[in-house]
Amino acid sequence: TSLEVNDTVGVQATITNNTSRALPMVLVDLGLPPGFTVLTTDLDLAVSSGLIERYDLTARQIMVYLEKLESEPLLLKYGLQARYPLKVKAPDSTASLYYDPETKGSAEGEAFEVQD
C-alpha cells in the first residue's frame, strides 16, 4: 500500500459464493484507486482460460462477468501501476447476481500512498 510513482502492485480478489448452489450470471465490480493504471495481462488470461466470461474497464472500476460462480472461491489476479504521487483509497468492491442486484456482497477498498 506504500509505493513510488511507476511501481506496480499485484492485486488478488477473492470472490466467494456463500450459498450451497452454483450462482448464475454474477457481476463483480472491483473498485480502482484513482491515479493507477490497470495491467490487464492476468485479466486477459482469465478470459482466455474460461475463468471469467469477460471484463470491462472504466476509470473507477473493473466490471467482471461470470457465467456462474461455483462453491469454491474464485481467485482473480491483476496488476496496478501507480501514475502520480498521491494518497487515495480504492472504492469498495462488490459482487451480485446480474438479475438481482439486491443480493450483494462487498469488501472495503484499500488505501494507497504513492511517493514521488
N, C-alpha and C. Protein backbone atom coordinates (compact mmCIF):
# COMPACT_ATOMS: atom_id res chain seq x y z
N THR A 1 0.82 -1.21 0.00
CA THR A 1 0.00 0.00 0.00
C THR A 1 0.85 1.26 0.00
N SER A 2 2.16 1.15 0.10
CA SER A 2 3.07 2.29 0.03
C SER A 2 3.98 2.08 -1.18
N LEU A 3 3.87 2.98 -2.15
CA LEU A 3 4.55 2.80 -3.43
C LEU A 3 5.22 4.08 -3.87
N GLU A 4 5.99 3.98 -4.95
CA GLU A 4 6.53 5.14 -5.64
C GLU A 4 5.90 5.19 -7.02
N VAL A 5 5.95 6.37 -7.64
CA VAL A 5 5.41 6.53 -8.99
C VAL A 5 6.05 5.49 -9.91
N ASN A 6 5.25 4.86 -10.74
CA ASN A 6 5.61 3.81 -11.70
C ASN A 6 5.77 2.43 -11.08
N ASP A 7 5.70 2.31 -9.74
CA ASP A 7 5.71 0.98 -9.11
C ASP A 7 4.43 0.25 -9.47
N THR A 8 4.52 -1.07 -9.46
CA THR A 8 3.33 -1.88 -9.68
C THR A 8 3.02 -2.68 -8.42
N VAL A 9 1.75 -2.99 -8.27
CA VAL A 9 1.29 -3.80 -7.14
C VAL A 9 0.37 -4.88 -7.70
N GLY A 10 0.54 -6.09 -7.19
CA GLY A 10 -0.35 -7.18 -7.58
C GLY A 10 -1.57 -7.20 -6.69
N VAL A 11 -2.71 -7.39 -7.28
CA VAL A 11 -3.98 -7.44 -6.56
C VAL A 11 -4.57 -8.83 -6.73
N GLN A 12 -5.10 -9.38 -5.65
CA GLN A 12 -5.82 -10.65 -5.72
C GLN A 12 -7.19 -10.44 -5.09
N ALA A 13 -8.21 -10.60 -5.90
CA ALA A 13 -9.59 -10.51 -5.42
C ALA A 13 -10.12 -11.92 -5.25
N THR A 14 -10.73 -12.18 -4.10
CA THR A 14 -11.33 -13.48 -3.85
C THR A 14 -12.85 -13.29 -3.81
N ILE A 15 -13.54 -13.96 -4.72
CA ILE A 15 -15.00 -13.88 -4.80
C ILE A 15 -15.53 -15.20 -4.28
N THR A 16 -16.34 -15.13 -3.22
CA THR A 16 -16.82 -16.32 -2.54
C THR A 16 -18.33 -16.45 -2.65
N ASN A 17 -18.78 -17.64 -2.99
CA ASN A 17 -20.20 -17.98 -3.04
C ASN A 17 -20.57 -18.53 -1.67
N ASN A 18 -21.42 -17.82 -0.94
CA ASN A 18 -21.81 -18.24 0.41
C ASN A 18 -23.09 -19.07 0.44
N THR A 19 -23.46 -19.62 -0.71
CA THR A 19 -24.65 -20.48 -0.77
C THR A 19 -24.22 -21.91 -1.04
N SER A 20 -25.17 -22.81 -1.05
CA SER A 20 -24.87 -24.22 -1.29
C SER A 20 -25.06 -24.62 -2.75
N ARG A 21 -25.34 -23.65 -3.62
CA ARG A 21 -25.55 -23.97 -5.04
C ARG A 21 -24.73 -23.03 -5.92
N ALA A 22 -24.52 -23.42 -7.15
CA ALA A 22 -23.84 -22.54 -8.11
C ALA A 22 -24.73 -21.35 -8.41
N LEU A 23 -24.14 -20.17 -8.49
CA LEU A 23 -24.89 -18.96 -8.77
C LEU A 23 -24.69 -18.55 -10.23
N PRO A 24 -25.78 -18.32 -10.97
CA PRO A 24 -25.65 -17.94 -12.38
C PRO A 24 -25.47 -16.43 -12.54
N MET A 25 -24.78 -16.04 -13.59
CA MET A 25 -24.68 -14.65 -14.01
C MET A 25 -24.30 -13.71 -12.86
N VAL A 26 -23.06 -13.82 -12.40
CA VAL A 26 -22.57 -12.98 -11.31
C VAL A 26 -21.80 -11.80 -11.89
N LEU A 27 -22.06 -10.62 -11.34
CA LEU A 27 -21.39 -9.40 -11.76
C LEU A 27 -20.50 -8.94 -10.60
N VAL A 28 -19.20 -8.78 -10.87
CA VAL A 28 -18.23 -8.35 -9.86
C VAL A 28 -17.73 -6.96 -10.24
N ASP A 29 -17.83 -6.03 -9.31
CA ASP A 29 -17.40 -4.65 -9.51
C ASP A 29 -16.18 -4.42 -8.62
N LEU A 30 -14.99 -4.40 -9.22
CA LEU A 30 -13.74 -4.21 -8.49
C LEU A 30 -13.37 -2.73 -8.53
N GLY A 31 -13.39 -2.08 -7.37
CA GLY A 31 -13.09 -0.66 -7.30
C GLY A 31 -11.62 -0.38 -7.56
N LEU A 32 -11.34 0.66 -8.35
CA LEU A 32 -9.97 1.04 -8.70
C LEU A 32 -9.60 2.34 -8.02
N PRO A 33 -8.41 2.40 -7.42
CA PRO A 33 -7.98 3.67 -6.82
C PRO A 33 -7.63 4.68 -7.92
N PRO A 34 -7.99 5.95 -7.71
CA PRO A 34 -7.60 6.98 -8.69
C PRO A 34 -6.08 7.04 -8.81
N GLY A 35 -5.61 7.39 -10.02
CA GLY A 35 -4.17 7.56 -10.23
C GLY A 35 -3.42 6.29 -10.54
N PHE A 36 -4.12 5.19 -10.80
CA PHE A 36 -3.48 3.92 -11.12
C PHE A 36 -3.93 3.44 -12.50
N THR A 37 -3.05 2.74 -13.20
CA THR A 37 -3.37 2.10 -14.46
C THR A 37 -3.52 0.60 -14.21
N VAL A 38 -4.55 0.00 -14.80
CA VAL A 38 -4.77 -1.45 -14.66
C VAL A 38 -3.88 -2.18 -15.66
N LEU A 39 -3.15 -3.16 -15.18
CA LEU A 39 -2.34 -4.03 -16.03
C LEU A 39 -3.20 -5.26 -16.33
N THR A 40 -3.58 -5.44 -17.57
CA THR A 40 -4.63 -6.39 -17.93
C THR A 40 -4.16 -7.78 -18.32
N THR A 41 -2.87 -8.05 -18.28
CA THR A 41 -2.36 -9.35 -18.73
C THR A 41 -3.07 -10.51 -18.03
N ASP A 42 -3.15 -10.47 -16.70
CA ASP A 42 -3.79 -11.56 -15.95
C ASP A 42 -5.29 -11.64 -16.22
N LEU A 43 -5.94 -10.49 -16.42
CA LEU A 43 -7.37 -10.49 -16.74
C LEU A 43 -7.61 -11.11 -18.11
N ASP A 44 -6.77 -10.78 -19.08
CA ASP A 44 -6.89 -11.37 -20.41
C ASP A 44 -6.71 -12.89 -20.35
N LEU A 45 -5.76 -13.34 -19.53
CA LEU A 45 -5.54 -14.77 -19.34
C LEU A 45 -6.75 -15.43 -18.68
N ALA A 46 -7.38 -14.74 -17.74
CA ALA A 46 -8.59 -15.27 -17.08
C ALA A 46 -9.72 -15.46 -18.09
N VAL A 47 -9.83 -14.56 -19.06
CA VAL A 47 -10.85 -14.70 -20.10
C VAL A 47 -10.50 -15.86 -21.03
N SER A 48 -9.27 -15.90 -21.51
CA SER A 48 -8.88 -16.94 -22.48
C SER A 48 -8.92 -18.33 -21.86
N SER A 49 -8.71 -18.44 -20.56
CA SER A 49 -8.75 -19.75 -19.90
C SER A 49 -10.17 -20.15 -19.47
N GLY A 50 -11.14 -19.23 -19.61
CA GLY A 50 -12.51 -19.53 -19.23
C GLY A 50 -12.81 -19.30 -17.75
N LEU A 51 -11.87 -18.73 -17.01
CA LEU A 51 -12.09 -18.45 -15.60
C LEU A 51 -13.20 -17.41 -15.42
N ILE A 52 -13.19 -16.40 -16.29
CA ILE A 52 -14.25 -15.39 -16.31
C ILE A 52 -14.79 -15.28 -17.73
N GLU A 53 -16.01 -14.78 -17.85
CA GLU A 53 -16.63 -14.62 -19.17
C GLU A 53 -15.98 -13.45 -19.93
N ARG A 54 -15.93 -12.28 -19.26
CA ARG A 54 -15.31 -11.10 -19.85
C ARG A 54 -15.15 -10.05 -18.76
N TYR A 55 -14.48 -8.93 -19.10
CA TYR A 55 -14.35 -7.82 -18.18
C TYR A 55 -14.39 -6.52 -18.97
N ASP A 56 -14.80 -5.45 -18.31
CA ASP A 56 -14.80 -4.10 -18.88
C ASP A 56 -14.09 -3.17 -17.90
N LEU A 57 -13.31 -2.24 -18.43
CA LEU A 57 -12.62 -1.26 -17.60
C LEU A 57 -13.30 0.10 -17.71
N THR A 58 -13.45 0.77 -16.59
CA THR A 58 -13.83 2.18 -16.57
C THR A 58 -12.77 2.91 -15.75
N ALA A 59 -12.93 4.19 -15.59
CA ALA A 59 -11.95 4.96 -14.83
C ALA A 59 -11.92 4.56 -13.36
N ARG A 60 -13.03 4.05 -12.82
CA ARG A 60 -13.12 3.77 -11.39
C ARG A 60 -13.35 2.30 -11.05
N GLN A 61 -13.45 1.43 -12.05
CA GLN A 61 -13.77 0.05 -11.72
C GLN A 61 -13.40 -0.92 -12.85
N ILE A 62 -13.31 -2.19 -12.44
CA ILE A 62 -13.24 -3.29 -13.38
C ILE A 62 -14.53 -4.07 -13.19
N MET A 63 -15.33 -4.18 -14.24
CA MET A 63 -16.56 -4.97 -14.18
C MET A 63 -16.23 -6.36 -14.73
N VAL A 64 -16.42 -7.37 -13.90
CA VAL A 64 -16.10 -8.75 -14.27
C VAL A 64 -17.41 -9.53 -14.37
N TYR A 65 -17.59 -10.24 -15.47
CA TYR A 65 -18.81 -11.00 -15.72
C TYR A 65 -18.50 -12.50 -15.61
N LEU A 66 -19.24 -13.17 -14.75
CA LEU A 66 -19.07 -14.62 -14.56
C LEU A 66 -20.33 -15.33 -15.03
N GLU A 67 -20.16 -16.37 -15.82
CA GLU A 67 -21.32 -17.17 -16.24
C GLU A 67 -21.95 -17.84 -15.04
N LYS A 68 -21.09 -18.36 -14.14
CA LYS A 68 -21.58 -18.91 -12.88
C LYS A 68 -20.45 -18.92 -11.87
N LEU A 69 -20.85 -18.89 -10.60
CA LEU A 69 -19.89 -18.94 -9.51
C LEU A 69 -20.17 -20.19 -8.70
N GLU A 70 -19.22 -21.10 -8.73
CA GLU A 70 -19.37 -22.38 -8.02
C GLU A 70 -19.14 -22.17 -6.52
N SER A 71 -19.13 -23.26 -5.77
CA SER A 71 -18.96 -23.17 -4.32
C SER A 71 -17.51 -22.88 -3.91
N GLU A 72 -16.53 -23.18 -4.76
CA GLU A 72 -15.14 -22.87 -4.45
C GLU A 72 -14.90 -21.38 -4.70
N PRO A 73 -14.11 -20.72 -3.84
CA PRO A 73 -13.80 -19.30 -4.06
C PRO A 73 -13.07 -19.11 -5.40
N LEU A 74 -13.37 -18.03 -6.06
CA LEU A 74 -12.72 -17.66 -7.31
C LEU A 74 -11.63 -16.64 -6.99
N LEU A 75 -10.40 -16.95 -7.38
CA LEU A 75 -9.27 -16.04 -7.18
C LEU A 75 -8.97 -15.34 -8.49
N LEU A 76 -9.06 -14.03 -8.48
CA LEU A 76 -8.83 -13.23 -9.67
C LEU A 76 -7.67 -12.29 -9.40
N LYS A 77 -6.66 -12.34 -10.27
CA LYS A 77 -5.46 -11.51 -10.09
C LYS A 77 -5.34 -10.49 -11.21
N TYR A 78 -4.78 -9.34 -10.84
CA TYR A 78 -4.47 -8.31 -11.82
C TYR A 78 -3.45 -7.36 -11.20
N GLY A 79 -2.89 -6.50 -12.00
CA GLY A 79 -1.89 -5.57 -11.50
C GLY A 79 -2.34 -4.13 -11.64
N LEU A 80 -1.76 -3.28 -10.80
CA LEU A 80 -1.98 -1.83 -10.87
C LEU A 80 -0.63 -1.14 -10.91
N GLN A 81 -0.53 -0.09 -11.70
CA GLN A 81 0.70 0.70 -11.76
C GLN A 81 0.38 2.13 -11.32
N ALA A 82 1.15 2.61 -10.35
CA ALA A 82 0.96 3.96 -9.82
C ALA A 82 1.44 5.00 -10.84
N ARG A 83 0.60 5.99 -11.11
CA ARG A 83 0.96 7.02 -12.10
C ARG A 83 1.36 8.35 -11.48
N TYR A 84 0.81 8.69 -10.31
CA TYR A 84 1.01 10.01 -9.71
C TYR A 84 1.29 9.89 -8.21
N PRO A 85 1.99 10.86 -7.64
CA PRO A 85 2.13 10.87 -6.18
C PRO A 85 0.80 11.33 -5.56
N LEU A 86 0.27 10.53 -4.67
CA LEU A 86 -0.99 10.87 -4.02
C LEU A 86 -1.31 9.90 -2.89
N LYS A 87 -2.30 10.27 -2.08
CA LYS A 87 -2.87 9.39 -1.07
C LYS A 87 -4.32 9.16 -1.46
N VAL A 88 -4.69 7.91 -1.69
CA VAL A 88 -6.05 7.59 -2.14
C VAL A 88 -6.56 6.33 -1.47
N LYS A 89 -7.83 6.15 -1.58
CA LYS A 89 -8.46 4.90 -1.15
C LYS A 89 -9.29 4.38 -2.31
N ALA A 90 -9.14 3.10 -2.60
CA ALA A 90 -9.93 2.49 -3.67
C ALA A 90 -11.39 2.42 -3.24
N PRO A 91 -12.31 2.58 -4.17
CA PRO A 91 -13.71 2.39 -3.85
C PRO A 91 -13.95 0.94 -3.41
N ASP A 92 -15.02 0.72 -2.68
CA ASP A 92 -15.38 -0.64 -2.28
C ASP A 92 -15.62 -1.50 -3.52
N SER A 93 -15.43 -2.80 -3.37
CA SER A 93 -15.73 -3.77 -4.43
C SER A 93 -16.97 -4.55 -4.03
N THR A 94 -17.76 -4.95 -5.04
CA THR A 94 -19.00 -5.69 -4.77
C THR A 94 -19.16 -6.85 -5.73
N ALA A 95 -20.00 -7.79 -5.35
CA ALA A 95 -20.41 -8.88 -6.22
C ALA A 95 -21.90 -9.08 -6.01
N SER A 96 -22.61 -9.32 -7.11
CA SER A 96 -24.06 -9.54 -7.02
C SER A 96 -24.52 -10.38 -8.20
N LEU A 97 -25.72 -10.92 -8.09
CA LEU A 97 -26.32 -11.60 -9.22
C LEU A 97 -26.72 -10.54 -10.24
N TYR A 98 -26.44 -10.79 -11.50
CA TYR A 98 -26.70 -9.81 -12.55
C TYR A 98 -28.17 -9.40 -12.58
N TYR A 99 -29.07 -10.37 -12.41
CA TYR A 99 -30.50 -10.10 -12.50
C TYR A 99 -31.14 -9.81 -11.14
N ASP A 100 -30.34 -9.78 -10.07
CA ASP A 100 -30.87 -9.50 -8.74
C ASP A 100 -29.81 -8.73 -7.95
N PRO A 101 -29.63 -7.42 -8.26
CA PRO A 101 -28.57 -6.65 -7.62
C PRO A 101 -28.75 -6.47 -6.12
N GLU A 102 -29.91 -6.83 -5.58
CA GLU A 102 -30.13 -6.74 -4.13
C GLU A 102 -29.32 -7.80 -3.38
N THR A 103 -28.92 -8.88 -4.06
CA THR A 103 -28.12 -9.95 -3.44
C THR A 103 -26.64 -9.58 -3.58
N LYS A 104 -26.23 -8.59 -2.83
CA LYS A 104 -24.89 -8.03 -2.99
C LYS A 104 -24.02 -8.30 -1.77
N GLY A 105 -22.78 -8.64 -2.03
CA GLY A 105 -21.75 -8.70 -1.01
C GLY A 105 -20.71 -7.66 -1.34
N SER A 106 -19.99 -7.17 -0.33
CA SER A 106 -19.00 -6.13 -0.63
C SER A 106 -17.76 -6.29 0.25
N ALA A 107 -16.69 -5.62 -0.19
CA ALA A 107 -15.43 -5.57 0.56
C ALA A 107 -14.91 -4.14 0.48
N GLU A 108 -14.36 -3.68 1.57
CA GLU A 108 -13.86 -2.31 1.64
C GLU A 108 -12.59 -2.15 0.81
N GLY A 109 -12.47 -1.00 0.15
CA GLY A 109 -11.30 -0.70 -0.66
C GLY A 109 -10.07 -0.41 0.19
N GLU A 110 -8.90 -0.64 -0.39
CA GLU A 110 -7.62 -0.41 0.29
C GLU A 110 -7.16 1.04 0.10
N ALA A 111 -6.42 1.54 1.07
CA ALA A 111 -5.80 2.86 0.97
C ALA A 111 -4.38 2.69 0.41
N PHE A 112 -3.96 3.65 -0.41
CA PHE A 112 -2.63 3.64 -1.01
C PHE A 112 -1.98 5.00 -0.83
N GLU A 113 -0.65 4.97 -0.66
CA GLU A 113 0.13 6.21 -0.66
C GLU A 113 1.24 6.04 -1.68
N VAL A 114 1.30 6.97 -2.63
CA VAL A 114 2.30 6.93 -3.69
C VAL A 114 3.20 8.15 -3.54
N GLN A 115 4.51 7.87 -3.41
CA GLN A 115 5.52 8.94 -3.26
C GLN A 115 6.13 9.25 -4.62
N ASP A 116 6.62 10.45 -4.75
CA ASP A 116 7.27 10.90 -6.00
C ASP A 116 8.64 10.29 -6.14
